Amino acid sequence: MSITNFTTNFAGGTRKNRFKVRGSASGLETSNFATNFVDNLTNFHIVAAAMPASIITTNPIDFRGRKILYPGDRVYSAEGFNVWTMTVLDDIDGNDSGTYKNLWHAAHAWSDAINDHETNAGTVSYCNIIVEQLSLNGEDTTGGGAGAPIKRATLINAWPQSISPLDMEMQARDQYNSFDITFAFHYVDYDTTLAG
């Protein structure tokens, strides 16, 4: 294989830092807290995410000393649960007249609405989380140019299953805080119609 063959057959690859995460609460059983989280889910604060995995488990059947593998159920993580995690850059814009404009506050308010810390009661509410991989030139708002999404996965009926600790340390200089939010969800809709 020559360099010419390689450059002819390799279209430039995709970049890890070209992505966006957004939410949608449209048409779902949701609450003001879930909607507020979706409204404040800006791409400026999401520093790491991933396209969800898709795994079909195997059902082994023994036959004369060999295992024959048949397809089993679909799961979306190696642990066997439908969970997905994103890393959020913490920010200082907090509670403003009852509207949480900070994702840490918004995620905790939504989690508390699902299961209150004190009363152990609440109401389940969902949103959809949309993860998109973008082309080299980033986001395209015109709907199909060079920066349009090339891959898209939607986590259907997601809710915050866990919010990681917010670590602080006296000796940490010139470092920004971040935290993880892990969502549980029902299933993933992978958009296979996109080019890329």
C-alpha atoms as a PDB file:
ATOM      1  CA  MET A   1       0.000   0.000   0.000  1.00  0.00           C
ATOM      2  CA  SER A   2       1.400   3.376  -0.979  1.00  0.00           C
ATOM      3  CA  ILE A   3       0.843   6.814   0.564  1.00  0.00           C
ATOM      4  CA  THR A   4      -1.231   7.703  -2.483  1.00  0.00           C
ATOM      5  CA  ASN A   5      -3.492   4.694  -1.890  1.00  0.00           C
ATOM      6  CA  PHE A   6      -3.860   5.659   1.765  1.00  0.00           C
ATOM      7  CA  THR A   7      -4.720   9.313   1.085  1.00  0.00           C
ATOM      8  CA  THR A   8      -7.137   8.282  -1.652  1.00  0.00           C
ATOM      9  CA  ASN A   9      -8.998   5.911   0.676  1.00  0.00           C
ATOM     10  CA  PHE A  10      -8.815   7.885   3.950  1.00  0.00           C
ATOM     11  CA  ALA A  11     -11.184  10.854   4.003  1.00  0.00           C
ATOM     12  CA  GLY A  12      -9.496  12.679   6.897  1.00  0.00           C
ATOM     13  CA  GLY A  13     -11.109  10.960   9.860  1.00  0.00           C
ATOM     14  CA  THR A  14     -13.260  12.434  12.590  1.00  0.00           C
ATOM     15  CA  ARG A  15     -12.182  14.528  15.575  1.00  0.00           C
ATOM     16  CA  LYS A  16     -12.885  13.720  19.224  1.00  0.00           C
ATOM     17  CA  ASN A  17     -13.613  17.343  20.095  1.00  0.00           C
ATOM     18  CA  ARG A  18     -16.323  17.861  17.454  1.00  0.00           C
ATOM     19  CA  PHE A  19     -19.551  16.978  19.254  1.00  0.00           C
ATOM     20  CA  LYS A  20     -22.570  18.439  20.941  1.00  0.00           C
ATOM     21  CA  VAL A  21     -25.075  17.259  23.509  1.00  0.00           C
ATOM     22  CA  ARG A  22     -28.562  18.652  23.772  1.00  0.00           C
ATOM     23  CA  GLY A  23     -31.842  17.696  25.363  1.00  0.00           C
ATOM     24  CA  SER A  24     -35.474  17.588  24.396  1.00  0.00           C
ATOM     25  CA  ALA A  25     -38.485  17.344  26.685  1.00  0.00           C
ATOM     26  CA  SER A  26     -41.045  17.728  23.907  1.00  0.00           C
ATOM     27  CA  GLY A  27     -43.948  15.300  24.110  1.00  0.00           C
ATOM     28  CA  LEU A  28     -42.632  13.494  27.209  1.00  0.00           C
ATOM     29  CA  GLU A  29     -43.960  13.014  30.716  1.00  0.00           C
ATOM     30  CA  THR A  30     -41.772  15.664  32.217  1.00  0.00           C
ATOM     31  CA  SER A  31     -41.569  18.251  34.968  1.00  0.00           C
ATOM     32  CA  ASN A  32     -40.435  21.847  35.251  1.00  0.00           C
ATOM     33  CA  PHE A  33     -37.150  20.540  36.658  1.00  0.00           C
ATOM     34  CA  ALA A  34     -36.447  18.302  33.646  1.00  0.00           C
ATOM     35  CA  THR A  35     -37.428  21.112  31.277  1.00  0.00           C
ATOM     36  CA  ASN A  36     -35.199  23.560  33.147  1.00  0.00           C
ATOM     37  CA  PHE A  37     -32.269  21.124  32.873  1.00  0.00           C
ATOM     38  CA  VAL A  38     -32.848  20.745  29.125  1.00  0.00           C
ATOM     39  CA  ASP A  39     -33.094  24.526  28.660  1.00  0.00           C
ATOM     40  CA  ASN A  40     -29.710  25.029  30.340  1.00  0.00           C
ATOM     41  CA  LEU A  41     -27.898  22.113  28.697  1.00  0.00           C
ATOM     42  CA  THR A  42     -25.467  24.212  26.665  1.00  0.00           C
ATOM     43  CA  ASN A  43     -22.565  22.846  24.663  1.00  0.00           C
ATOM     44  CA  PHE A  44     -20.183  25.267  26.361  1.00  0.00           C
ATOM     45  CA  HIS A  45     -20.312  23.223  29.554  1.00  0.00           C
ATOM     46  CA  ILE A  46     -20.144  19.639  28.219  1.00  0.00           C
ATOM     47  CA  VAL A  47     -16.470  18.704  28.124  1.00  0.00           C
ATOM     48  CA  ALA A  48     -16.730  14.964  27.506  1.00  0.00           C
ATOM     49  CA  ALA A  49     -19.368  12.584  26.217  1.00  0.00           C
ATOM     50  CA  ALA A  50     -19.549   9.500  24.040  1.00  0.00           C
ATOM     51  CA  MET A  51     -21.795   7.855  21.528  1.00  0.00           C
ATOM     52  CA  PRO A  52     -23.644   5.214  23.573  1.00  0.00           C
ATOM     53  CA  ALA A  53     -22.448   1.657  23.176  1.00  0.00           C
ATOM     54  CA  SER A  54     -24.764  -0.940  21.666  1.00  0.00           C
ATOM     55  CA  ILE A  55     -24.290  -4.500  22.869  1.00  0.00           C
ATOM     56  CA  ILE A  56     -26.278  -7.627  22.078  1.00  0.00           C
ATOM     57  CA  THR A  57     -25.649 -10.156  24.800  1.00  0.00           C
ATOM     58  CA  THR A  58     -25.021 -13.801  23.969  1.00  0.00           C
ATOM     59  CA  ASN A  59     -26.937 -16.856  25.114  1.00  0.00           C
ATOM     60  CA  PRO A  60     -24.520 -19.791  25.077  1.00  0.00           C
ATOM     61  CA  ILE A  61     -25.808 -23.320  24.581  1.00  0.00           C
ATOM     62  CA  ASP A  62     -23.487 -26.272  25.196  1.00  0.00           C
ATOM     63  CA  PHE A  63     -23.292 -28.867  22.442  1.00  0.00           C
ATOM     64  CA  ARG A  64     -20.749 -31.693  22.562  1.00  0.00           C
ATOM     65  CA  GLY A  65     -18.051 -29.730  24.309  1.00  0.00           C
ATOM     66  CA  ARG A  66     -18.601 -26.516  22.390  1.00  0.00           C
ATOM     67  CA  LYS A  67     -20.535 -23.379  23.147  1.00  0.00           C
ATOM     68  CA  ILE A  68     -22.883 -22.200  20.439  1.00  0.00           C
ATOM     69  CA  LEU A  69     -23.692 -18.514  20.828  1.00  0.00           C
ATOM     70  CA  TYR A  70     -27.159 -17.215  20.076  1.00  0.00           C
ATOM     71  CA  PRO A  71     -28.124 -13.544  20.226  1.00  0.00           C
ATOM     72  CA  GLY A  72     -29.681 -12.411  23.486  1.00  0.00           C
ATOM     73  CA  ASP A  73     -30.962  -9.084  24.768  1.00  0.00           C
ATOM     74  CA  ARG A  74     -29.686  -5.629  23.880  1.00  0.00           C
ATOM     75  CA  VAL A  75     -27.956  -3.511  26.525  1.00  0.00           C
ATOM     76  CA  TYR A  76     -26.161  -0.185  26.242  1.00  0.00           C
ATOM     77  CA  SER A  77     -23.222  -0.587  28.607  1.00  0.00           C
ATOM     78  CA  ALA A  78     -20.753  -3.292  29.554  1.00  0.00           C
ATOM     79  CA  GLU A  79     -22.279  -3.389  33.049  1.00  0.00           C
ATOM     80  CA  GLY A  80     -25.566  -4.566  31.538  1.00  0.00           C
ATOM     81  CA  PHE A  81     -27.556  -1.478  32.497  1.00  0.00           C
ATOM     82  CA  ASN A  82     -28.865   1.273  30.261  1.00  0.00           C
ATOM     83  CA  VAL A  83     -26.673   4.084  31.566  1.00  0.00           C
ATOM     84  CA  TRP A  84     -24.678   6.864  29.889  1.00  0.00           C
ATOM     85  CA  THR A  85     -22.351   9.479  31.400  1.00  0.00           C
ATOM     86  CA  MET A  86     -21.308  12.989  30.396  1.00  0.00           C
ATOM     87  CA  THR A  87     -18.738  15.272  32.037  1.00  0.00           C
ATOM     88  CA  VAL A  88     -19.819  18.827  32.792  1.00  0.00           C
ATOM     89  CA  LEU A  89     -17.614  21.866  33.407  1.00  0.00           C
ATOM     90  CA  ASP A  90     -18.884  23.500  36.599  1.00  0.00           C
ATOM     91  CA  ASP A  91     -19.870  27.151  36.437  1.00  0.00           C
ATOM     92  CA  ILE A  92     -20.812  29.850  38.955  1.00  0.00           C
ATOM     93  CA  ASP A  93     -24.230  30.977  37.687  1.00  0.00           C
ATOM     94  CA  GLY A  94     -26.541  29.657  40.397  1.00  0.00           C
ATOM     95  CA  ASN A  95     -30.161  30.000  41.413  1.00  0.00           C
ATOM     96  CA  ASP A  96     -31.878  33.050  39.877  1.00  0.00           C
ATOM     97  CA  SER A  97     -35.477  33.645  40.987  1.00  0.00           C
ATOM     98  CA  GLY A  98     -36.214  29.914  41.232  1.00  0.00           C
ATOM     99  CA  THR A  99     -34.769  29.065  37.818  1.00  0.00           C
ATOM    100  CA  TYR A 100     -31.603  26.991  37.948  1.00  0.00           C
ATOM    101  CA  LYS A 101     -29.154  28.234  35.326  1.00  0.00           C
ATOM    102  CA  ASN A 102     -26.296  26.034  36.482  1.00  0.00           C
ATOM    103  CA  LEU A 103     -26.245  22.356  35.432  1.00  0.00           C
ATOM    104  CA  TRP A 104     -25.099  21.180  38.877  1.00  0.00           C
ATOM    105  CA  HIS A 105     -28.059  22.939  40.500  1.00  0.00           C
ATOM    106  CA  ALA A 106     -30.434  21.918  37.710  1.00  0.00           C
ATOM    107  CA  ALA A 107     -29.424  18.241  37.841  1.00  0.00           C
ATOM    108  CA  HIS A 108     -29.776  18.115  41.632  1.00  0.00           C
ATOM    109  CA  ALA A 109     -33.157  19.882  41.519  1.00  0.00           C
ATOM    110  CA  TRP A 110     -34.388  17.375  38.917  1.00  0.00           C
ATOM    111  CA  SER A 111     -33.015  14.432  40.915  1.00  0.00           C
ATOM    112  CA  ASP A 112     -34.636  15.786  44.076  1.00  0.00           C
ATOM    113  CA  ALA A 113     -37.982  16.121  42.262  1.00  0.00           C
ATOM    114  CA  ILE A 114     -37.748  12.437  41.281  1.00  0.00           C
ATOM    115  CA  ASN A 115     -36.928  11.318  44.844  1.00  0.00           C
ATOM    116  CA  ASP A 116     -36.889  13.960  47.551  1.00  0.00           C
ATOM    117  CA  HIS A 117     -34.049  13.684  50.086  1.00  0.00           C
ATOM    118  CA  GLU A 118     -36.309  14.365  53.053  1.00  0.00           C
ATOM    119  CA  THR A 119     -39.692  12.890  52.147  1.00  0.00           C
ATOM    120  CA  ASN A 120     -38.487   9.984  49.972  1.00  0.00           C
ATOM    121  CA  ALA A 121     -41.281  10.837  47.531  1.00  0.00           C
ATOM    122  CA  GLY A 122     -41.408  12.393  44.088  1.00  0.00           C
ATOM    123  CA  THR A 123     -42.504  12.124  40.484  1.00  0.00           C
ATOM    124  CA  VAL A 124     -40.594  10.448  37.685  1.00  0.00           C
ATOM    125  CA  SER A 125     -39.923  12.751  34.745  1.00  0.00           C
ATOM    126  CA  TYR A 126     -37.897  12.246  31.602  1.00  0.00           C
ATOM    127  CA  CYS A 127     -36.115  14.009  28.798  1.00  0.00           C
ATOM    128  CA  ASN A 128     -34.402  12.777  25.661  1.00  0.00           C
ATOM    129  CA  ILE A 129     -30.629  13.325  25.436  1.00  0.00           C
ATOM    130  CA  ILE A 130     -29.296  13.817  21.901  1.00  0.00           C
ATOM    131  CA  VAL A 131     -25.598  13.179  21.246  1.00  0.00           C
ATOM    132  CA  GLU A 132     -24.206  14.318  17.896  1.00  0.00           C
ATOM    133  CA  GLN A 133     -20.791  13.904  16.347  1.00  0.00           C
ATOM    134  CA  LEU A 134     -19.967  16.869  14.123  1.00  0.00           C
ATOM    135  CA  SER A 135     -17.843  17.089  11.023  1.00  0.00           C
ATOM    136  CA  LEU A 136     -14.476  18.839  10.972  1.00  0.00           C
ATOM    137  CA  ASN A 137     -15.933  22.335  10.671  1.00  0.00           C
ATOM    138  CA  GLY A 138     -18.167  21.979  13.707  1.00  0.00           C
ATOM    139  CA  GLU A 139     -21.829  22.769  14.057  1.00  0.00           C
ATOM    140  CA  ASP A 140     -23.845  23.840  11.040  1.00  0.00           C
ATOM    141  CA  THR A 141     -27.106  25.608  11.829  1.00  0.00           C
ATOM    142  CA  THR A 142     -28.231  25.761   8.205  1.00  0.00           C
ATOM    143  CA  GLY A 143     -29.181  22.093   8.153  1.00  0.00           C
ATOM    144  CA  GLY A 144     -26.783  20.146   5.986  1.00  0.00           C
ATOM    145  CA  GLY A 145     -23.505  21.936   5.300  1.00  0.00           C
ATOM    146  CA  ALA A 146     -19.924  20.959   6.071  1.00  0.00           C
ATOM    147  CA  GLY A 147     -20.484  21.188   9.810  1.00  0.00           C
ATOM    148  CA  ALA A 148     -23.709  19.185   9.958  1.00  0.00           C
ATOM    149  CA  PRO A 149     -23.947  16.208  12.340  1.00  0.00           C
ATOM    150  CA  ILE A 150     -22.458  13.060  10.873  1.00  0.00           C
ATOM    151  CA  LYS A 151     -23.685  10.727  13.633  1.00  0.00           C
ATOM    152  CA  ARG A 152     -26.599  11.061  16.053  1.00  0.00           C
ATOM    153  CA  ALA A 153     -27.864   8.958  18.943  1.00  0.00           C
ATOM    154  CA  THR A 154     -30.895   9.825  21.073  1.00  0.00           C
ATOM    155  CA  LEU A 155     -31.282   8.428  24.583  1.00  0.00           C
ATOM    156  CA  ILE A 156     -35.014   7.939  24.985  1.00  0.00           C
ATOM    157  CA  ASN A 157     -36.684   8.702  28.336  1.00  0.00           C
ATOM    158  CA  ALA A 158     -33.513   9.619  30.202  1.00  0.00           C
ATOM    159  CA  TRP A 159     -33.307  10.715  33.825  1.00  0.00           C
ATOM    160  CA  PRO A 160     -30.344  11.545  36.116  1.00  0.00           C
ATOM    161  CA  GLN A 161     -29.396   8.315  37.868  1.00  0.00           C
ATOM    162  CA  SER A 162     -26.309   9.726  39.599  1.00  0.00           C
ATOM    163  CA  ILE A 163     -24.433  13.000  39.981  1.00  0.00           C
ATOM    164  CA  SER A 164     -20.776  12.582  40.888  1.00  0.00           C
ATOM    165  CA  PRO A 165     -19.040  14.392  43.759  1.00  0.00           C
ATOM    166  CA  LEU A 166     -17.707  17.864  43.045  1.00  0.00           C
ATOM    167  CA  ASP A 167     -14.071  17.467  44.108  1.00  0.00           C
ATOM    168  CA  MET A 168     -12.241  20.368  45.738  1.00  0.00           C
ATOM    169  CA  GLU A 169      -8.631  20.538  46.891  1.00  0.00           C
ATOM    170  CA  MET A 170      -6.488  23.286  48.455  1.00  0.00           C
ATOM    171  CA  GLN A 171      -3.362  22.356  46.482  1.00  0.00           C
ATOM    172  CA  ALA A 172      -5.101  22.257  43.096  1.00  0.00           C
ATOM    173  CA  ARG A 173      -3.938  25.363  41.228  1.00  0.00           C
ATOM    174  CA  ASP A 174      -5.200  26.554  37.851  1.00  0.00           C
ATOM    175  CA  GLN A 175      -7.688  23.721  37.570  1.00  0.00           C
ATOM    176  CA  TYR A 176     -11.372  23.912  36.807  1.00  0.00           C
ATOM    177  CA  ASN A 177     -14.008  21.826  38.500  1.00  0.00           C
ATOM    178  CA  SER A 178     -16.029  19.304  36.574  1.00  0.00           C
ATOM    179  CA  PHE A 179     -18.496  16.597  37.528  1.00  0.00           C
ATOM    180  CA  ASP A 180     -20.229  13.647  35.871  1.00  0.00           C
ATOM    181  CA  ILE A 181     -23.934  13.100  35.379  1.00  0.00           C
ATOM    182  CA  THR A 182     -24.963   9.520  34.651  1.00  0.00           C
ATOM    183  CA  PHE A 183     -28.342   9.056  32.993  1.00  0.00           C
ATOM    184  CA  ALA A 184     -30.476   5.948  32.987  1.00  0.00           C
ATOM    185  CA  PHE A 185     -32.709   5.593  29.926  1.00  0.00           C
ATOM    186  CA  HIS A 186     -35.070   3.193  28.187  1.00  0.00           C
ATOM    187  CA  TYR A 187     -33.314   2.689  24.847  1.00  0.00           C
ATOM    188  CA  VAL A 188     -31.223   4.450  22.170  1.00  0.00           C
ATOM    189  CA  ASP A 189     -32.372   5.601  18.745  1.00  0.00           C
ATOM    190  CA  TYR A 190     -29.370   5.626  16.388  1.00  0.00           C
ATOM    191  CA  ASP A 191     -29.900   7.813  13.318  1.00  0.00           C
ATOM    192  CA  THR A 192     -28.492   5.806  10.400  1.00  0.00           C
ATOM    193  CA  THR A 193     -29.654   8.253   7.722  1.00  0.00           C
ATOM    194  CA  LEU A 194     -26.860  10.799   8.246  1.00  0.00           C
ATOM    195  CA  ALA A 195     -23.894  10.958   5.879  1.00  0.00           C
ATOM    196  CA  GLY A 196     -20.636  10.218   7.634  1.00  0.00           C
END
